[in-house]
Amino acid sequence: MSEYWFYLLLTITGFIAGIINTLAGGGSNLTLPALMIMGMPADIANATNRVGVLLQSVSGIAGFKKYNKLASHDLPAILSLTILGGVFGALAALVMSAQTLKYVLLGSMIAMSLVMILVPSIILPNVETAPKLVRSTPSSWLILFISGFYGGLIQAGVGFILLFALAGSLHYDLVRANALKLVCTLAFTLSALGIFIYQDLILWLPGLALALGNIIGAWIAVKISINIEPKLLKIFILIMTLLACAAVLYLD
């Protein structure tokens, strides 16, 4: 297959991932294996994937802000915890060998997809009260830090942890939780991306091919996020994750 077809397939994969990430989470379950199938070591794929994640987050945030769905009153507290976690997570990724990181990536993708299926309340909690402030909800502190750490380390599936923190712990409705999730993702991805750029771990052309699809997918997903039922994505993400992980293992 020619190089141009690989870039086209990456853009299509990025488009699907952009929709999934914006509506729920788990899009990196598709993009990371796609990059590794191209022959990238896990550490390079993990770093390169962040280019699309960053630009996709910007696109999604702009869309949610346009529809007045971006809650900003508690952003400083939320972001401080996720950024701190993201820095530590990215540094942890640097000390892992590529082979170790590969199996951590695969295991995490499968685990997060299974959690999404078996414990739906984690990402679709019953929200009956007004949003809480971080300073009055100590249970959210650790979850937000872990979200940032996991996002800086791996990225795949971090949206589910963020939704658990934002919707389950802080009681934002799912639409606003998704908007805040993208802001958090943007924050810790910036932190992680800076570290990965410094370490020269990013392949820019594949990263930008993914990003093009991510941006378009995120923008479209925002427009339909009010009416779509996130539960419908769960089985699809699980199946695609298992197939992608199997493909990566087969091509190892």
Protein backbone atom coordinates (compact mmCIF):
# COMPACT_ATOMS: atom_id res chain seq x y z
CA MET A 1 0.00 0.00 0.00
CA SER A 2 1.36 3.41 -0.95
CA GLU A 3 2.25 6.07 1.56
CA TYR A 4 -0.62 8.23 0.33
CA TRP A 5 -3.16 5.54 1.15
CA PHE A 6 -1.79 5.29 4.65
CA TYR A 7 -2.29 9.01 5.16
CA LEU A 8 -5.82 8.81 3.78
CA LEU A 9 -6.64 5.92 6.10
CA LEU A 10 -5.17 7.84 9.02
CA THR A 11 -7.39 10.83 8.21
CA ILE A 12 -10.48 8.61 8.03
CA THR A 13 -9.51 6.94 11.30
CA GLY A 14 -8.97 10.36 12.83
CA PHE A 15 -12.42 11.46 11.66
CA ILE A 16 -14.10 8.50 13.37
CA ALA A 17 -11.98 9.00 16.49
CA GLY A 18 -12.85 12.70 16.60
CA ILE A 19 -16.54 11.87 16.70
CA ILE A 20 -16.11 9.18 19.34
CA ASN A 21 -13.85 11.31 21.55
CA THR A 22 -16.20 14.27 21.46
CA LEU A 23 -19.36 12.31 22.16
CA ALA A 24 -17.96 10.00 24.82
CA GLY A 25 -14.31 8.92 24.73
CA GLY A 26 -12.06 6.15 23.51
CA GLY A 27 -11.14 7.43 20.05
CA SER A 28 -7.46 6.79 20.72
CA ASN A 29 -8.40 3.12 20.94
CA LEU A 30 -8.55 3.39 17.13
CA THR A 31 -5.80 5.88 16.36
CA LEU A 32 -3.02 4.37 18.48
CA PRO A 33 -3.27 0.90 16.91
CA ALA A 34 -3.55 2.54 13.48
CA LEU A 35 -0.24 4.30 14.04
CA MET A 36 1.40 1.14 15.38
CA ILE A 37 0.11 -0.88 12.43
CA MET A 38 2.01 1.62 10.25
CA GLY A 39 5.14 0.39 11.97
CA MET A 40 5.62 3.03 14.65
CA PRO A 41 7.02 1.92 18.01
CA ALA A 42 4.52 2.41 20.82
CA ASP A 43 6.35 5.42 22.27
CA ILE A 44 6.41 7.23 18.89
CA ALA A 45 2.74 6.37 18.24
CA ASN A 46 1.80 7.52 21.74
CA ALA A 47 3.49 10.88 21.16
CA THR A 48 2.37 11.37 17.55
CA ASN A 49 -1.26 10.69 18.49
CA ARG A 50 -1.25 13.81 20.69
CA VAL A 51 -1.10 16.14 17.67
CA GLY A 52 -4.58 15.08 16.60
CA VAL A 53 -5.88 15.03 20.17
CA LEU A 54 -4.72 18.61 20.69
CA LEU A 55 -6.29 20.03 17.53
CA GLN A 56 -9.43 17.96 17.96
CA SER A 57 -9.87 19.41 21.45
CA VAL A 58 -9.58 22.95 20.09
CA SER A 59 -12.19 22.17 17.43
CA GLY A 60 -14.61 20.60 19.92
CA ILE A 61 -14.20 23.36 22.49
CA ALA A 62 -14.96 25.99 19.85
CA GLY A 63 -18.10 24.11 18.91
CA PHE A 64 -19.37 23.70 22.47
CA LYS A 65 -18.63 27.35 23.20
CA LYS A 66 -20.61 28.37 20.11
CA TYR A 67 -23.64 26.50 21.48
CA ASN A 68 -23.09 27.94 24.98
CA LYS A 69 -22.40 24.54 26.52
CA LEU A 70 -19.00 25.30 28.05
CA ALA A 71 -19.15 25.87 31.81
CA SER A 72 -16.17 27.94 32.92
CA HIS A 73 -16.84 28.99 36.52
CA ASP A 74 -14.63 26.29 38.08
CA LEU A 75 -12.09 25.80 35.29
CA PRO A 76 -8.96 26.99 37.18
CA ALA A 77 -9.37 24.34 39.89
CA ILE A 78 -10.25 21.60 37.40
CA LEU A 79 -7.36 22.42 35.08
CA SER A 80 -4.71 22.79 37.77
CA LEU A 81 -5.21 19.18 38.85
CA THR A 82 -5.34 17.71 35.35
CA ILE A 83 -2.32 19.67 34.11
CA LEU A 84 -0.25 18.57 37.11
CA GLY A 85 -1.22 14.97 36.49
CA GLY A 86 -0.48 15.32 32.77
CA VAL A 87 3.09 16.47 33.37
CA PHE A 88 3.82 13.53 35.67
CA GLY A 89 2.13 11.11 33.25
CA ALA A 90 4.17 12.28 30.26
CA LEU A 91 7.38 12.00 32.26
CA ALA A 92 6.40 8.47 33.28
CA ALA A 93 5.89 7.57 29.61
CA LEU A 94 9.46 8.64 28.85
CA VAL A 95 11.02 6.16 31.28
CA MET A 96 9.07 3.16 29.96
CA SER A 97 10.58 1.03 27.22
CA ALA A 98 8.69 1.00 23.92
CA GLN A 99 7.76 -2.65 24.42
CA THR A 100 6.47 -2.08 27.95
CA LEU A 101 4.50 0.95 26.84
CA LYS A 102 2.99 -1.02 23.98
CA TYR A 103 1.48 -3.60 26.31
CA VAL A 104 0.39 -0.95 28.79
CA LEU A 105 -1.37 0.79 25.89
CA LEU A 106 -3.07 -2.39 24.70
CA GLY A 107 -4.09 -3.46 28.19
CA SER A 108 -5.43 -0.02 29.03
CA MET A 109 -7.48 0.20 25.84
CA ILE A 110 -9.13 -3.15 26.50
CA ALA A 111 -9.67 -2.44 30.21
CA MET A 112 -11.25 0.98 29.63
CA SER A 113 -13.60 -0.42 26.99
CA LEU A 114 -14.68 -3.26 29.29
CA VAL A 115 -15.29 -0.81 32.14
CA MET A 116 -17.45 1.26 29.81
CA ILE A 117 -19.57 -1.80 29.02
CA LEU A 118 -19.71 -3.42 32.46
CA VAL A 119 -19.99 -0.32 34.66
CA PRO A 120 -22.02 2.19 32.59
CA SER A 121 -22.70 4.39 35.62
CA ILE A 122 -19.05 5.49 35.52
CA ILE A 123 -19.57 7.47 32.32
CA LEU A 124 -23.34 7.84 32.41
CA PRO A 125 -24.16 8.67 36.03
CA ASN A 126 -27.53 9.92 37.15
CA VAL A 127 -27.18 13.68 37.44
CA GLU A 128 -29.92 15.19 39.57
CA THR A 129 -28.22 18.09 41.32
CA ALA A 130 -26.47 21.31 40.33
CA PRO A 131 -22.73 21.07 39.56
CA LYS A 132 -20.43 21.07 42.59
CA LEU A 133 -17.23 23.05 43.03
CA VAL A 134 -13.92 21.19 43.10
CA ARG A 135 -12.93 22.78 46.41
CA SER A 136 -16.06 21.39 48.06
CA THR A 137 -15.68 17.91 46.54
CA PRO A 138 -12.43 16.29 47.76
CA SER A 139 -13.34 13.04 45.99
CA SER A 140 -12.85 14.81 42.67
CA TRP A 141 -9.28 15.92 43.44
CA LEU A 142 -7.69 12.51 43.10
CA ILE A 143 -9.84 11.55 40.11
CA LEU A 144 -8.91 14.71 38.21
CA PHE A 145 -5.20 14.21 38.99
CA ILE A 146 -5.39 10.56 37.90
CA SER A 147 -7.20 11.63 34.73
CA GLY A 148 -4.37 14.01 33.89
CA PHE A 149 -1.70 11.45 34.77
CA TYR A 150 -3.35 8.76 32.65
CA GLY A 151 -3.87 11.23 29.81
CA GLY A 152 -0.23 12.30 29.91
CA LEU A 153 0.93 8.68 30.05
CA ILE A 154 -1.37 6.98 27.54
CA GLN A 155 -4.38 9.07 26.44
CA ALA A 156 -6.50 6.11 25.24
CA GLY A 157 -9.70 6.00 27.29
CA VAL A 158 -8.96 9.05 29.42
CA GLY A 159 -12.30 10.57 28.39
CA PHE A 160 -14.13 7.98 30.47
CA ILE A 161 -12.14 8.86 33.59
CA LEU A 162 -12.77 12.56 33.00
CA LEU A 163 -16.49 11.95 32.55
CA PHE A 164 -16.49 10.01 35.81
CA ALA A 165 -14.88 13.00 37.54
CA LEU A 166 -16.92 15.72 35.86
CA ALA A 167 -20.32 14.05 35.62
CA GLY A 168 -20.13 11.46 38.37
CA SER A 169 -18.28 13.43 41.04
CA LEU A 170 -18.94 17.08 40.15
CA HIS A 171 -22.48 16.47 38.74
CA TYR A 172 -22.21 18.28 35.42
CA ASP A 173 -24.75 17.13 32.84
CA LEU A 174 -23.24 14.92 30.16
CA VAL A 175 -23.10 17.59 27.45
CA ARG A 176 -21.27 20.10 29.66
CA ALA A 177 -19.11 17.34 31.08
CA ASN A 178 -18.05 16.47 27.53
CA ALA A 179 -17.19 20.12 26.87
CA LEU A 180 -15.11 20.36 30.05
CA LYS A 181 -13.53 17.02 29.23
CA LEU A 182 -12.15 18.54 26.03
CA VAL A 183 -10.77 21.54 27.91
CA CYS A 184 -8.99 19.22 30.36
CA THR A 185 -7.72 17.09 27.48
CA LEU A 186 -6.38 20.19 25.74
CA ALA A 187 -4.59 21.26 28.92
CA PHE A 188 -2.76 18.05 29.74
CA THR A 189 -2.11 17.30 26.07
CA LEU A 190 -0.30 20.63 25.75
CA SER A 191 1.84 19.67 28.73
CA ALA A 192 2.57 16.20 27.38
CA LEU A 193 3.12 17.39 23.82
CA GLY A 194 5.77 19.86 24.92
CA ILE A 195 7.71 17.06 26.62
CA PHE A 196 7.36 14.75 23.61
CA ILE A 197 8.47 17.48 21.20
CA TYR A 198 11.52 18.13 23.35
CA GLN A 199 12.34 14.41 23.21
CA ASP A 200 11.81 14.37 19.40
CA LEU A 201 9.24 11.58 19.57
CA ILE A 202 6.66 12.99 17.13
CA LEU A 203 6.27 12.13 13.44
CA TRP A 204 4.52 15.22 12.16
CA LEU A 205 3.07 14.12 8.81
CA PRO A 206 1.14 11.13 10.21
CA GLY A 207 0.17 13.26 13.22
CA LEU A 208 -1.24 16.02 11.02
CA ALA A 209 -3.07 13.50 8.81
CA LEU A 210 -4.78 12.18 11.93
CA ALA A 211 -5.42 15.72 13.14
CA LEU A 212 -7.25 16.70 9.96
CA GLY A 213 -9.77 13.92 10.50
CA ASN A 214 -9.93 14.60 14.25
CA ILE A 215 -10.82 18.25 13.70
CA ILE A 216 -13.63 17.54 11.24
CA GLY A 217 -15.00 14.69 13.34
CA ALA A 218 -15.02 16.77 16.53
CA TRP A 219 -16.81 19.69 14.86
CA ILE A 220 -19.54 17.43 13.45
CA ALA A 221 -19.91 15.55 16.75
CA VAL A 222 -20.59 18.75 18.69
CA LYS A 223 -23.53 19.53 16.42
CA ILE A 224 -25.17 16.19 17.14
CA SER A 225 -24.10 15.76 20.77
CA ILE A 226 -27.33 17.14 22.21
CA ASN A 227 -29.48 14.38 20.74
CA ILE A 228 -27.21 11.37 20.30
CA GLU A 229 -27.34 8.56 22.84
CA PRO A 230 -23.78 7.81 24.06
CA LYS A 231 -24.78 4.28 25.08
CA LEU A 232 -24.98 3.37 21.39
CA LEU A 233 -21.25 3.94 21.05
CA LYS A 234 -20.20 1.51 23.77
CA ILE A 235 -20.48 -1.78 21.91
CA PHE A 236 -18.95 -0.26 18.78
CA ILE A 237 -15.92 1.04 20.67
CA LEU A 238 -15.41 -2.28 22.44
CA ILE A 239 -15.50 -4.27 19.19
CA MET A 240 -13.19 -1.87 17.37
CA THR A 241 -10.76 -1.87 20.30
CA LEU A 242 -10.51 -5.64 20.43
CA LEU A 243 -10.04 -5.87 16.65
CA ALA A 244 -7.40 -3.14 16.63
CA CYS A 245 -5.50 -4.67 19.55
CA ALA A 246 -5.60 -8.08 17.85
CA ALA A 247 -4.22 -6.54 14.67
CA VAL A 248 -1.33 -4.90 16.49
CA LEU A 249 -0.44 -8.13 18.29
CA TYR A 250 -0.63 -10.08 15.02
CA LEU A 251 1.70 -7.65 13.28
CA ASP A 252 4.20 -7.55 16.15
